[in-house]
């Protein structure tokens, strides 16, 4: 399927603007440096709310004037090394409507750490990026039972072979299939790719092939999320 015939979609986890109509354009700062990294200033400059494209600043230990009071931010514990309690205090000082938190290979954060944040900050919606990788089942359970928890499968869907249907760990890929098929969980899933680290087109095509009615996953759920947190 050529790129121009891809179905309409929002990318809730992207570091570049490519084929998506809207989504979250996420900043990445600090070390290690990656060739596609965008700063907080760059993602906010590219924000276009008319197409539902939102810049998401990155919160570092040193802080950022542009992210302190911004309603949507990204926390990346693996890069920054901050603790769950540090994030909790930051959320108390700078109330966020939506907090994106990286979960992939977060050795120092157990799934319970993310659950505690969601419980302690019920006024904040949480998008747990990558859905936990190896810990995916715990995150799927959170999305099922916690009203303020949302997930994306970016990176995890490629690393574990869901996108190309060559599963290398069935426990993970089966959990993705279950989440997408279970209506009470599926409504809390937003499509994401981690573009340009992983390409958008392959993930969009796979979702379109696997799902009978992919519009909610590719478009509708993201639009409900941004409406829920008052961005539109």
C-alpha atoms as a PDB file:
ATOM      1  CA  UNK A   1       0.000   0.000   0.000  1.00  0.00           C
ATOM      2  CA  UNK A   2       1.646   3.306  -1.046  1.00  0.00           C
ATOM      3  CA  UNK A   3       2.017   5.966   1.611  1.00  0.00           C
ATOM      4  CA  UNK A   4      -0.567   8.194  -0.073  1.00  0.00           C
ATOM      5  CA  UNK A   5      -3.263   5.522   0.317  1.00  0.00           C
ATOM      6  CA  UNK A   6      -2.742   5.030   4.044  1.00  0.00           C
ATOM      7  CA  UNK A   7      -5.942   5.411   6.048  1.00  0.00           C
ATOM      8  CA  UNK A   8      -6.375   8.572   8.064  1.00  0.00           C
ATOM      9  CA  UNK A   9      -4.583   8.394  11.417  1.00  0.00           C
ATOM     10  CA  UNK A  10      -3.242  10.360  14.353  1.00  0.00           C
ATOM     11  CA  UNK A  11       0.157   9.371  15.758  1.00  0.00           C
ATOM     12  CA  UNK A  12       0.101   9.708  19.532  1.00  0.00           C
ATOM     13  CA  UNK A  13       3.825   8.981  19.842  1.00  0.00           C
ATOM     14  CA  UNK A  14       5.959  10.620  17.185  1.00  0.00           C
ATOM     15  CA  UNK A  15       9.147  12.655  17.076  1.00  0.00           C
ATOM     16  CA  UNK A  16       8.620  13.868  13.499  1.00  0.00           C
ATOM     17  CA  UNK A  17       5.800  14.956  11.226  1.00  0.00           C
ATOM     18  CA  UNK A  18       5.375  12.524   8.351  1.00  0.00           C
ATOM     19  CA  UNK A  19       2.080  10.939   7.235  1.00  0.00           C
ATOM     20  CA  UNK A  20      -0.068  11.620  10.311  1.00  0.00           C
ATOM     21  CA  UNK A  21      -2.955  14.067  10.300  1.00  0.00           C
ATOM     22  CA  UNK A  22      -2.446  14.924  13.946  1.00  0.00           C
ATOM     23  CA  UNK A  23      -1.217  13.450  17.193  1.00  0.00           C
ATOM     24  CA  UNK A  24       1.485  14.205  19.730  1.00  0.00           C
ATOM     25  CA  UNK A  25       4.821  15.554  18.494  1.00  0.00           C
ATOM     26  CA  UNK A  26       7.084  14.727  21.416  1.00  0.00           C
ATOM     27  CA  UNK A  27      10.279  16.518  22.382  1.00  0.00           C
ATOM     28  CA  UNK A  28      13.369  14.601  23.439  1.00  0.00           C
ATOM     29  CA  UNK A  29      16.257  16.304  25.184  1.00  0.00           C
ATOM     30  CA  UNK A  30      19.390  15.312  27.089  1.00  0.00           C
ATOM     31  CA  UNK A  31      21.677  12.313  26.509  1.00  0.00           C
ATOM     32  CA  UNK A  32      22.202  10.198  24.540  1.00  0.00           C
ATOM     33  CA  UNK A  33      21.680  12.438  21.533  1.00  0.00           C
ATOM     34  CA  UNK A  34      19.650  10.961  18.689  1.00  0.00           C
ATOM     35  CA  UNK A  35      19.625  12.356  15.135  1.00  0.00           C
ATOM     36  CA  UNK A  36      15.883  13.000  15.117  1.00  0.00           C
ATOM     37  CA  UNK A  37      15.600  14.708  18.512  1.00  0.00           C
ATOM     38  CA  UNK A  38      13.452  17.845  18.684  1.00  0.00           C
ATOM     39  CA  UNK A  39      13.688  20.331  21.539  1.00  0.00           C
ATOM     40  CA  UNK A  40      10.766  21.649  23.547  1.00  0.00           C
ATOM     41  CA  UNK A  41      10.882  24.863  21.556  1.00  0.00           C
ATOM     42  CA  UNK A  42      10.854  22.989  18.245  1.00  0.00           C
ATOM     43  CA  UNK A  43       7.829  20.813  18.990  1.00  0.00           C
ATOM     44  CA  UNK A  44       5.829  23.740  20.305  1.00  0.00           C
ATOM     45  CA  UNK A  45       6.727  25.772  17.211  1.00  0.00           C
ATOM     46  CA  UNK A  46       5.349  22.978  14.991  1.00  0.00           C
ATOM     47  CA  UNK A  47       2.108  22.597  16.927  1.00  0.00           C
ATOM     48  CA  UNK A  48      -0.979  22.955  14.737  1.00  0.00           C
ATOM     49  CA  UNK A  49      -4.172  22.513  16.708  1.00  0.00           C
ATOM     50  CA  UNK A  50      -6.300  22.988  13.604  1.00  0.00           C
ATOM     51  CA  UNK A  51      -5.168  19.480  12.556  1.00  0.00           C
ATOM     52  CA  UNK A  52      -5.003  18.178  16.148  1.00  0.00           C
ATOM     53  CA  UNK A  53      -1.199  18.151  16.145  1.00  0.00           C
ATOM     54  CA  UNK A  54       0.036  18.971  19.651  1.00  0.00           C
ATOM     55  CA  UNK A  55       3.601  19.665  20.728  1.00  0.00           C
ATOM     56  CA  UNK A  56       4.562  17.822  23.921  1.00  0.00           C
ATOM     57  CA  UNK A  57       7.467  19.242  25.952  1.00  0.00           C
ATOM     58  CA  UNK A  58       9.959  16.959  27.680  1.00  0.00           C
ATOM     59  CA  UNK A  59      10.490  17.313  31.434  1.00  0.00           C
ATOM     60  CA  UNK A  60      14.101  17.052  32.566  1.00  0.00           C
ATOM     61  CA  UNK A  61      15.620  17.126  36.041  1.00  0.00           C
ATOM     62  CA  UNK A  62      16.876  20.630  35.386  1.00  0.00           C
ATOM     63  CA  UNK A  63      13.410  21.761  34.328  1.00  0.00           C
ATOM     64  CA  UNK A  64      12.283  23.883  31.440  1.00  0.00           C
ATOM     65  CA  UNK A  65      10.479  27.203  31.559  1.00  0.00           C
ATOM     66  CA  UNK A  66       8.409  26.144  28.549  1.00  0.00           C
ATOM     67  CA  UNK A  67       7.181  22.943  30.214  1.00  0.00           C
ATOM     68  CA  UNK A  68       6.567  23.988  33.831  1.00  0.00           C
ATOM     69  CA  UNK A  69       2.936  24.963  33.381  1.00  0.00           C
ATOM     70  CA  UNK A  70       2.196  23.301  30.062  1.00  0.00           C
ATOM     71  CA  UNK A  71      -0.935  21.089  30.257  1.00  0.00           C
ATOM     72  CA  UNK A  72       0.665  18.110  28.483  1.00  0.00           C
ATOM     73  CA  UNK A  73       4.229  16.874  29.064  1.00  0.00           C
ATOM     74  CA  UNK A  74       6.418  13.813  28.595  1.00  0.00           C
ATOM     75  CA  UNK A  75       8.355  12.163  31.441  1.00  0.00           C
ATOM     76  CA  UNK A  76      11.203   9.811  30.495  1.00  0.00           C
ATOM     77  CA  UNK A  77      12.547   8.127  33.615  1.00  0.00           C
ATOM     78  CA  UNK A  78      14.971   5.851  31.771  1.00  0.00           C
ATOM     79  CA  UNK A  79      16.796   8.834  30.244  1.00  0.00           C
ATOM     80  CA  UNK A  80      16.496  11.199  33.192  1.00  0.00           C
ATOM     81  CA  UNK A  81      16.771   8.791  36.105  1.00  0.00           C
ATOM     82  CA  UNK A  82      14.109  10.492  38.170  1.00  0.00           C
ATOM     83  CA  UNK A  83      12.053   8.479  40.623  1.00  0.00           C
ATOM     84  CA  UNK A  84       8.267   8.017  40.767  1.00  0.00           C
ATOM     85  CA  UNK A  85       8.194  10.316  43.792  1.00  0.00           C
ATOM     86  CA  UNK A  86      10.017  13.036  41.796  1.00  0.00           C
ATOM     87  CA  UNK A  87       7.356  12.826  39.082  1.00  0.00           C
ATOM     88  CA  UNK A  88       4.593  12.866  41.692  1.00  0.00           C
ATOM     89  CA  UNK A  89       5.987  16.044  43.247  1.00  0.00           C
ATOM     90  CA  UNK A  90       6.315  17.633  39.804  1.00  0.00           C
ATOM     91  CA  UNK A  91       2.675  16.843  39.092  1.00  0.00           C
ATOM     92  CA  UNK A  92       1.683  18.470  42.379  1.00  0.00           C
ATOM     93  CA  UNK A  93       3.714  21.608  41.644  1.00  0.00           C
ATOM     94  CA  UNK A  94       2.662  21.890  38.012  1.00  0.00           C
ATOM     95  CA  UNK A  95      -0.743  20.250  37.575  1.00  0.00           C
ATOM     96  CA  UNK A  96      -0.954  18.537  34.206  1.00  0.00           C
ATOM     97  CA  UNK A  97      -4.081  17.559  32.353  1.00  0.00           C
ATOM     98  CA  UNK A  98      -2.185  14.787  30.592  1.00  0.00           C
ATOM     99  CA  UNK A  99       1.139  13.142  31.431  1.00  0.00           C
ATOM    100  CA  UNK A 100       2.898  10.907  28.915  1.00  0.00           C
ATOM    101  CA  UNK A 101       5.292   8.573  30.728  1.00  0.00           C
ATOM    102  CA  UNK A 102       7.790   6.277  29.045  1.00  0.00           C
ATOM    103  CA  UNK A 103       7.512   2.668  30.219  1.00  0.00           C
ATOM    104  CA  UNK A 104       9.852   0.741  27.908  1.00  0.00           C
ATOM    105  CA  UNK A 105      12.628  -1.187  29.674  1.00  0.00           C
ATOM    106  CA  UNK A 106      12.171   0.902  32.801  1.00  0.00           C
ATOM    107  CA  UNK A 107      14.150  -1.401  35.100  1.00  0.00           C
ATOM    108  CA  UNK A 108      14.010   0.956  38.102  1.00  0.00           C
ATOM    109  CA  UNK A 109      10.242   1.491  37.857  1.00  0.00           C
ATOM    110  CA  UNK A 110       7.944  -1.442  38.597  1.00  0.00           C
ATOM    111  CA  UNK A 111       4.463  -1.410  37.027  1.00  0.00           C
ATOM    112  CA  UNK A 112       3.110  -0.616  40.488  1.00  0.00           C
ATOM    113  CA  UNK A 113       4.971   2.715  40.357  1.00  0.00           C
ATOM    114  CA  UNK A 114       2.885   3.804  37.374  1.00  0.00           C
ATOM    115  CA  UNK A 115      -0.313   2.549  39.002  1.00  0.00           C
ATOM    116  CA  UNK A 116       0.453   4.539  42.157  1.00  0.00           C
ATOM    117  CA  UNK A 117       0.914   7.727  40.119  1.00  0.00           C
ATOM    118  CA  UNK A 118      -2.434   7.201  38.417  1.00  0.00           C
ATOM    119  CA  UNK A 119      -4.139   6.572  41.766  1.00  0.00           C
ATOM    120  CA  UNK A 120      -2.479   9.527  43.497  1.00  0.00           C
ATOM    121  CA  UNK A 121      -3.305  11.977  40.685  1.00  0.00           C
ATOM    122  CA  UNK A 122      -6.855  11.169  39.572  1.00  0.00           C
ATOM    123  CA  UNK A 123      -7.228  14.641  38.035  1.00  0.00           C
ATOM    124  CA  UNK A 124      -4.500  13.796  35.490  1.00  0.00           C
ATOM    125  CA  UNK A 125      -4.927  11.498  32.513  1.00  0.00           C
ATOM    126  CA  UNK A 126      -1.892   9.251  31.963  1.00  0.00           C
ATOM    127  CA  UNK A 127      -0.704   7.905  28.634  1.00  0.00           C
ATOM    128  CA  UNK A 128       1.762   5.126  29.386  1.00  0.00           C
ATOM    129  CA  UNK A 129       3.878   5.089  26.251  1.00  0.00           C
ATOM    130  CA  UNK A 130       4.934   1.686  24.840  1.00  0.00           C
ATOM    131  CA  UNK A 131       2.556  -0.140  27.240  1.00  0.00           C
ATOM    132  CA  UNK A 132       5.373  -1.533  29.346  1.00  0.00           C
ATOM    133  CA  UNK A 133       7.221  -3.766  26.874  1.00  0.00           C
ATOM    134  CA  UNK A 134       7.878  -6.983  28.772  1.00  0.00           C
ATOM    135  CA  UNK A 135       5.427  -5.834  31.476  1.00  0.00           C
ATOM    136  CA  UNK A 136       2.587  -5.272  29.021  1.00  0.00           C
ATOM    137  CA  UNK A 137      -0.016  -7.400  30.786  1.00  0.00           C
ATOM    138  CA  UNK A 138       0.129  -5.226  33.890  1.00  0.00           C
ATOM    139  CA  UNK A 139      -0.363  -2.092  31.809  1.00  0.00           C
ATOM    140  CA  UNK A 140      -3.255  -3.615  29.861  1.00  0.00           C
ATOM    141  CA  UNK A 141      -4.851  -4.406  33.223  1.00  0.00           C
ATOM    142  CA  UNK A 142      -4.391  -0.780  34.317  1.00  0.00           C
ATOM    143  CA  UNK A 143      -6.081   0.478  31.157  1.00  0.00           C
ATOM    144  CA  UNK A 144      -8.999  -1.858  31.868  1.00  0.00           C
ATOM    145  CA  UNK A 145      -9.571  -0.806  35.471  1.00  0.00           C
ATOM    146  CA  UNK A 146      -8.101   2.686  35.910  1.00  0.00           C
ATOM    147  CA  UNK A 147     -10.278   5.426  34.377  1.00  0.00           C
ATOM    148  CA  UNK A 148      -7.317   7.785  33.839  1.00  0.00           C
ATOM    149  CA  UNK A 149      -4.906   5.318  32.185  1.00  0.00           C
ATOM    150  CA  UNK A 150      -4.401   5.143  28.405  1.00  0.00           C
ATOM    151  CA  UNK A 151      -1.828   3.181  26.406  1.00  0.00           C
ATOM    152  CA  UNK A 152       0.027   3.231  23.131  1.00  0.00           C
ATOM    153  CA  UNK A 153       1.922   0.247  21.727  1.00  0.00           C
ATOM    154  CA  UNK A 154       4.616   2.246  19.928  1.00  0.00           C
ATOM    155  CA  UNK A 155       7.984   0.453  19.675  1.00  0.00           C
ATOM    156  CA  UNK A 156       6.656  -2.551  21.611  1.00  0.00           C
ATOM    157  CA  UNK A 157       4.587  -3.589  18.584  1.00  0.00           C
ATOM    158  CA  UNK A 158       7.723  -3.661  16.422  1.00  0.00           C
ATOM    159  CA  UNK A 159      10.261  -4.970  18.933  1.00  0.00           C
ATOM    160  CA  UNK A 160       8.131  -8.022  19.714  1.00  0.00           C
ATOM    161  CA  UNK A 161       7.008  -8.666  16.138  1.00  0.00           C
ATOM    162  CA  UNK A 162       3.321  -7.703  16.200  1.00  0.00           C
ATOM    163  CA  UNK A 163       3.654  -5.366  13.216  1.00  0.00           C
ATOM    164  CA  UNK A 164       5.221  -7.887  10.838  1.00  0.00           C
ATOM    165  CA  UNK A 165       3.351 -10.903  12.290  1.00  0.00           C
ATOM    166  CA  UNK A 166       6.602 -12.573  13.302  1.00  0.00           C
ATOM    167  CA  UNK A 167       6.086 -12.695  17.039  1.00  0.00           C
ATOM    168  CA  UNK A 168       9.213 -13.342  19.068  1.00  0.00           C
ATOM    169  CA  UNK A 169       7.337 -13.341  22.377  1.00  0.00           C
ATOM    170  CA  UNK A 170       3.735 -14.464  22.180  1.00  0.00           C
ATOM    171  CA  UNK A 171       2.934 -13.233  25.679  1.00  0.00           C
ATOM    172  CA  UNK A 172       3.445  -9.666  24.432  1.00  0.00           C
ATOM    173  CA  UNK A 173       1.858  -9.918  20.995  1.00  0.00           C
ATOM    174  CA  UNK A 174      -1.126 -11.862  22.361  1.00  0.00           C
ATOM    175  CA  UNK A 175      -1.613  -9.116  24.957  1.00  0.00           C
ATOM    176  CA  UNK A 176      -1.756  -6.512  22.170  1.00  0.00           C
ATOM    177  CA  UNK A 177      -4.338  -8.603  20.319  1.00  0.00           C
ATOM    178  CA  UNK A 178      -6.388  -9.072  23.485  1.00  0.00           C
ATOM    179  CA  UNK A 179      -6.338  -5.362  24.308  1.00  0.00           C
ATOM    180  CA  UNK A 180      -7.486  -4.392  20.821  1.00  0.00           C
ATOM    181  CA  UNK A 181     -10.280  -6.984  20.904  1.00  0.00           C
ATOM    182  CA  UNK A 182     -11.600  -6.256  24.412  1.00  0.00           C
ATOM    183  CA  UNK A 183     -13.961  -3.237  24.092  1.00  0.00           C
ATOM    184  CA  UNK A 184     -13.388  -1.987  27.639  1.00  0.00           C
ATOM    185  CA  UNK A 185      -9.649  -1.797  26.947  1.00  0.00           C
ATOM    186  CA  UNK A 186      -9.707  -0.943  23.241  1.00  0.00           C
ATOM    187  CA  UNK A 187     -11.352   2.413  23.916  1.00  0.00           C
ATOM    188  CA  UNK A 188      -8.304   3.408  26.018  1.00  0.00           C
ATOM    189  CA  UNK A 189      -5.738   2.649  23.284  1.00  0.00           C
ATOM    190  CA  UNK A 190      -4.287   5.337  21.036  1.00  0.00           C
ATOM    191  CA  UNK A 191      -2.266   4.545  17.953  1.00  0.00           C
ATOM    192  CA  UNK A 192       1.438   5.470  18.125  1.00  0.00           C
ATOM    193  CA  UNK A 193       4.619   4.552  16.284  1.00  0.00           C
ATOM    194  CA  UNK A 194       7.724   6.191  17.825  1.00  0.00           C
ATOM    195  CA  UNK A 195       8.385   7.619  14.363  1.00  0.00           C
ATOM    196  CA  UNK A 196      11.039   8.028  12.929  1.00  0.00           C
ATOM    197  CA  UNK A 197      12.630   5.288  15.023  1.00  0.00           C
ATOM    198  CA  UNK A 198       9.945   3.014  13.614  1.00  0.00           C
ATOM    199  CA  UNK A 199       8.070   3.824  10.423  1.00  0.00           C
ATOM    200  CA  UNK A 200       4.467   4.888  10.513  1.00  0.00           C
ATOM    201  CA  UNK A 201       3.306   3.176   7.319  1.00  0.00           C
ATOM    202  CA  UNK A 202       4.001  -0.404   8.433  1.00  0.00           C
ATOM    203  CA  UNK A 203       2.161   0.023  11.745  1.00  0.00           C
ATOM    204  CA  UNK A 204      -0.819   1.741  10.110  1.00  0.00           C
ATOM    205  CA  UNK A 205      -1.107  -1.008   7.505  1.00  0.00           C
ATOM    206  CA  UNK A 206      -0.930  -3.719  10.170  1.00  0.00           C
ATOM    207  CA  UNK A 207      -3.671  -2.106  12.256  1.00  0.00           C
ATOM    208  CA  UNK A 208      -5.848  -1.722   9.159  1.00  0.00           C
ATOM    209  CA  UNK A 209      -5.335  -5.404   8.273  1.00  0.00           C
ATOM    210  CA  UNK A 210      -5.962  -6.777  11.735  1.00  0.00           C
ATOM    211  CA  UNK A 211      -8.934  -4.687  12.845  1.00  0.00           C
ATOM    212  CA  UNK A 212     -12.380  -4.967  11.316  1.00  0.00           C
ATOM    213  CA  UNK A 213     -13.107  -1.309  12.104  1.00  0.00           C
ATOM    214  CA  UNK A 214      -9.768   0.437  12.744  1.00  0.00           C
ATOM    215  CA  UNK A 215     -11.053   4.033  12.796  1.00  0.00           C
ATOM    216  CA  UNK A 216     -11.423   4.259  16.589  1.00  0.00           C
ATOM    217  CA  UNK A 217      -7.892   2.979  17.132  1.00  0.00           C
ATOM    218  CA  UNK A 218      -6.306   5.106  14.424  1.00  0.00           C
ATOM    219  CA  UNK A 219      -8.349   8.281  14.922  1.00  0.00           C
ATOM    220  CA  UNK A 220     -11.280   8.264  17.310  1.00  0.00           C
ATOM    221  CA  UNK A 221      -9.626   7.314  20.588  1.00  0.00           C
ATOM    222  CA  UNK A 222      -6.997  10.035  20.236  1.00  0.00           C
ATOM    223  CA  UNK A 223      -9.698  12.599  19.594  1.00  0.00           C
ATOM    224  CA  UNK A 224     -11.601  11.449  22.687  1.00  0.00           C
ATOM    225  CA  UNK A 225      -8.433  11.696  24.766  1.00  0.00           C
ATOM    226  CA  UNK A 226      -7.610  15.261  23.741  1.00  0.00           C
ATOM    227  CA  UNK A 227     -11.247  16.230  24.281  1.00  0.00           C
ATOM    228  CA  UNK A 228     -11.197  14.599  27.728  1.00  0.00           C
ATOM    229  CA  UNK A 229      -8.227  16.736  28.805  1.00  0.00           C
ATOM    230  CA  UNK A 230      -9.651  19.925  27.274  1.00  0.00           C
ATOM    231  CA  UNK A 231      -7.176  20.444  24.464  1.00  0.00           C
ATOM    232  CA  UNK A 232     -10.030  20.904  21.983  1.00  0.00           C
END
